[in-house]
């Protein structure tokens, strides 16, 4: 799967426009909820066939940090 397809589905999870998901987009208490974390874990598994811990994912504060975590997993 492409990064763009992942970001499209992530935008749905975060309830934002895909165009807003640039590297510096902040993941905060308004959009980075426990449900969003669980959904993102499932998306990462589906798109990249990688398992990321909820704790490491919760530590991500920007989209760039999230993408970097996926690359390292």
N, C-alpha and C. Protein backbone atom coordinates (compact mmCIF):
# COMPACT_ATOMS: atom_id res chain seq x y z
N UNK A 1 0.83 -1.19 0.00
CA UNK A 1 0.00 0.00 0.00
C UNK A 1 0.88 1.25 0.00
N UNK A 2 0.34 2.28 -0.55
CA UNK A 2 1.09 3.53 -0.62
C UNK A 2 0.89 4.36 0.64
N UNK A 3 1.82 5.27 0.84
CA UNK A 3 1.71 6.19 1.97
C UNK A 3 0.44 7.03 1.83
N UNK A 4 0.13 7.41 0.60
CA UNK A 4 -1.06 8.23 0.35
C UNK A 4 -2.34 7.49 0.76
N UNK A 5 -2.42 6.20 0.45
CA UNK A 5 -3.60 5.42 0.83
C UNK A 5 -3.70 5.31 2.35
N UNK A 6 -2.55 5.12 3.00
CA UNK A 6 -2.53 5.07 4.47
C UNK A 6 -3.01 6.40 5.05
N UNK A 7 -2.49 7.51 4.53
CA UNK A 7 -2.87 8.83 5.05
C UNK A 7 -4.34 9.13 4.78
N UNK A 8 -4.87 8.63 3.68
CA UNK A 8 -6.29 8.82 3.39
C UNK A 8 -7.15 8.15 4.45
N UNK A 9 -6.80 6.93 4.81
CA UNK A 9 -7.56 6.23 5.84
C UNK A 9 -7.30 6.83 7.22
N UNK A 10 -6.08 7.26 7.47
CA UNK A 10 -5.76 7.90 8.75
C UNK A 10 -6.56 9.20 8.91
N UNK A 11 -6.73 9.94 7.84
CA UNK A 11 -7.52 11.17 7.89
C UNK A 11 -8.95 10.86 8.33
N UNK A 12 -9.50 9.76 7.85
CA UNK A 12 -10.84 9.34 8.28
C UNK A 12 -10.87 9.03 9.77
N UNK A 13 -9.84 8.34 10.25
CA UNK A 13 -9.75 7.99 11.67
C UNK A 13 -9.68 9.25 12.52
N UNK A 14 -8.86 10.22 12.09
CA UNK A 14 -8.66 11.45 12.86
C UNK A 14 -9.76 12.49 12.61
N UNK A 15 -10.62 12.20 11.65
CA UNK A 15 -11.73 13.09 11.28
C UNK A 15 -11.22 14.46 10.84
N UNK A 16 -10.23 14.43 9.94
CA UNK A 16 -9.67 15.64 9.34
C UNK A 16 -9.55 15.43 7.84
N UNK A 17 -9.25 16.50 7.13
CA UNK A 17 -9.03 16.40 5.69
C UNK A 17 -7.65 15.81 5.43
N UNK A 18 -7.53 14.99 4.41
CA UNK A 18 -6.25 14.37 4.10
C UNK A 18 -5.18 15.43 3.82
N UNK A 19 -5.56 16.53 3.19
CA UNK A 19 -4.61 17.60 2.88
C UNK A 19 -4.01 18.21 4.14
N UNK A 20 -4.69 18.07 5.28
CA UNK A 20 -4.17 18.60 6.55
C UNK A 20 -3.04 17.75 7.12
N UNK A 21 -2.91 16.51 6.66
CA UNK A 21 -1.95 15.59 7.25
C UNK A 21 -0.55 15.77 6.67
N UNK A 22 0.01 16.94 6.91
CA UNK A 22 1.39 17.19 6.56
C UNK A 22 2.27 16.78 7.73
N UNK A 23 3.57 16.74 7.54
CA UNK A 23 4.48 16.25 8.58
C UNK A 23 4.34 16.92 9.92
N UNK A 24 4.04 18.22 9.94
CA UNK A 24 3.97 18.94 11.20
C UNK A 24 2.58 18.93 11.84
N UNK A 25 1.62 18.24 11.23
CA UNK A 25 0.27 18.16 11.79
C UNK A 25 0.35 17.58 13.19
N UNK A 26 -0.22 18.28 14.17
CA UNK A 26 -0.14 17.85 15.56
C UNK A 26 -1.18 16.80 15.91
N UNK A 27 -0.70 15.77 16.56
CA UNK A 27 -1.57 14.76 17.14
C UNK A 27 -1.75 15.14 18.60
N UNK A 28 -2.98 15.46 18.98
CA UNK A 28 -3.23 15.94 20.33
C UNK A 28 -4.49 15.33 20.91
N UNK A 29 -4.89 15.79 22.09
CA UNK A 29 -6.05 15.19 22.78
C UNK A 29 -7.35 15.34 22.00
N UNK A 30 -7.40 16.26 21.03
CA UNK A 30 -8.61 16.44 20.24
C UNK A 30 -8.75 15.39 19.13
N UNK A 31 -7.64 14.87 18.65
CA UNK A 31 -7.72 13.92 17.55
C UNK A 31 -7.00 12.59 17.82
N UNK A 32 -6.12 12.54 18.82
CA UNK A 32 -5.31 11.37 19.10
C UNK A 32 -5.88 10.64 20.31
N UNK A 33 -7.11 10.18 20.17
CA UNK A 33 -7.84 9.51 21.24
C UNK A 33 -7.47 8.04 21.31
N UNK A 34 -7.92 7.36 22.33
CA UNK A 34 -7.63 5.93 22.45
C UNK A 34 -8.22 5.15 21.27
N UNK A 35 -9.38 5.55 20.81
CA UNK A 35 -9.98 4.88 19.65
C UNK A 35 -9.14 5.13 18.40
N UNK A 36 -8.63 6.35 18.24
CA UNK A 36 -7.77 6.66 17.10
C UNK A 36 -6.48 5.85 17.15
N UNK A 37 -5.93 5.68 18.35
CA UNK A 37 -4.71 4.88 18.50
C UNK A 37 -4.95 3.43 18.08
N UNK A 38 -6.02 2.85 18.56
CA UNK A 38 -6.33 1.46 18.22
C UNK A 38 -6.58 1.31 16.73
N UNK A 39 -7.31 2.25 16.17
CA UNK A 39 -7.58 2.21 14.73
C UNK A 39 -6.30 2.37 13.93
N UNK A 40 -5.39 3.21 14.40
CA UNK A 40 -4.13 3.43 13.70
C UNK A 40 -3.24 2.19 13.77
N UNK A 41 -3.24 1.51 14.91
CA UNK A 41 -2.50 0.24 15.02
C UNK A 41 -3.00 -0.74 13.96
N UNK A 42 -4.32 -0.82 13.80
CA UNK A 42 -4.90 -1.72 12.80
C UNK A 42 -4.53 -1.28 11.38
N UNK A 43 -4.55 0.03 11.13
CA UNK A 43 -4.18 0.54 9.81
C UNK A 43 -2.73 0.22 9.47
N UNK A 44 -1.84 0.40 10.43
CA UNK A 44 -0.42 0.12 10.21
C UNK A 44 -0.24 -1.36 9.90
N UNK A 45 -0.91 -2.21 10.64
CA UNK A 45 -0.83 -3.64 10.40
C UNK A 45 -1.35 -3.98 9.00
N UNK A 46 -2.48 -3.39 8.64
CA UNK A 46 -3.10 -3.67 7.34
C UNK A 46 -2.25 -3.17 6.18
N UNK A 47 -1.75 -1.95 6.27
CA UNK A 47 -1.03 -1.33 5.16
C UNK A 47 0.44 -1.71 5.08
N UNK A 48 1.06 -1.91 6.23
CA UNK A 48 2.51 -2.14 6.25
C UNK A 48 2.91 -3.50 6.80
N UNK A 49 1.95 -4.27 7.29
CA UNK A 49 2.21 -5.57 7.89
C UNK A 49 3.26 -5.46 9.00
N UNK A 50 3.08 -4.43 9.84
CA UNK A 50 3.97 -4.19 10.97
C UNK A 50 3.13 -4.00 12.23
N UNK A 51 3.68 -4.39 13.35
CA UNK A 51 3.01 -4.20 14.64
C UNK A 51 3.74 -3.09 15.39
N UNK A 52 2.98 -2.10 15.82
CA UNK A 52 3.52 -0.97 16.58
C UNK A 52 2.82 -0.96 17.93
N UNK A 53 3.59 -0.77 18.99
CA UNK A 53 2.98 -0.76 20.33
C UNK A 53 2.16 0.50 20.53
N UNK A 54 1.10 0.37 21.29
CA UNK A 54 0.25 1.51 21.60
C UNK A 54 1.00 2.59 22.35
N UNK A 55 1.93 2.18 23.21
CA UNK A 55 2.71 3.14 23.99
C UNK A 55 3.59 4.00 23.09
N UNK A 56 4.29 3.37 22.15
CA UNK A 56 5.14 4.12 21.23
C UNK A 56 4.30 5.01 20.32
N UNK A 57 3.16 4.50 19.90
CA UNK A 57 2.27 5.26 19.04
C UNK A 57 1.72 6.48 19.78
N UNK A 58 1.35 6.30 21.03
CA UNK A 58 0.81 7.40 21.83
C UNK A 58 1.85 8.50 22.03
N UNK A 59 3.12 8.15 21.99
CA UNK A 59 4.19 9.14 22.15
C UNK A 59 4.37 10.02 20.92
N UNK A 60 3.81 9.63 19.80
CA UNK A 60 3.93 10.43 18.57
C UNK A 60 3.10 11.70 18.71
N UNK A 61 3.72 12.82 18.42
CA UNK A 61 3.04 14.11 18.56
C UNK A 61 2.77 14.79 17.23
N UNK A 62 3.35 14.24 16.14
CA UNK A 62 3.13 14.78 14.80
C UNK A 62 2.97 13.63 13.81
N UNK A 63 2.47 13.95 12.64
CA UNK A 63 2.36 12.95 11.58
C UNK A 63 3.75 12.46 11.19
N UNK A 64 4.73 13.36 11.15
CA UNK A 64 6.10 12.95 10.79
C UNK A 64 6.64 11.94 11.80
N UNK A 65 6.39 12.15 13.08
CA UNK A 65 6.83 11.21 14.10
C UNK A 65 6.16 9.85 13.90
N UNK A 66 4.89 9.87 13.55
CA UNK A 66 4.14 8.63 13.30
C UNK A 66 4.74 7.89 12.11
N UNK A 67 5.00 8.60 11.03
CA UNK A 67 5.56 7.97 9.84
C UNK A 67 6.97 7.43 10.11
N UNK A 68 7.74 8.16 10.89
CA UNK A 68 9.08 7.69 11.25
C UNK A 68 9.01 6.41 12.08
N UNK A 69 8.06 6.34 13.00
CA UNK A 69 7.87 5.15 13.82
C UNK A 69 7.53 3.95 12.95
N UNK A 70 6.68 4.14 11.96
CA UNK A 70 6.31 3.05 11.07
C UNK A 70 7.53 2.55 10.30
N UNK A 71 8.35 3.47 9.83
CA UNK A 71 9.54 3.09 9.08
C UNK A 71 10.52 2.28 9.94
N UNK A 72 10.59 2.60 11.23
CA UNK A 72 11.51 1.92 12.13
C UNK A 72 10.99 0.56 12.60
N UNK A 73 9.67 0.39 12.54
CA UNK A 73 9.06 -0.86 13.05
C UNK A 73 9.41 -2.05 12.19
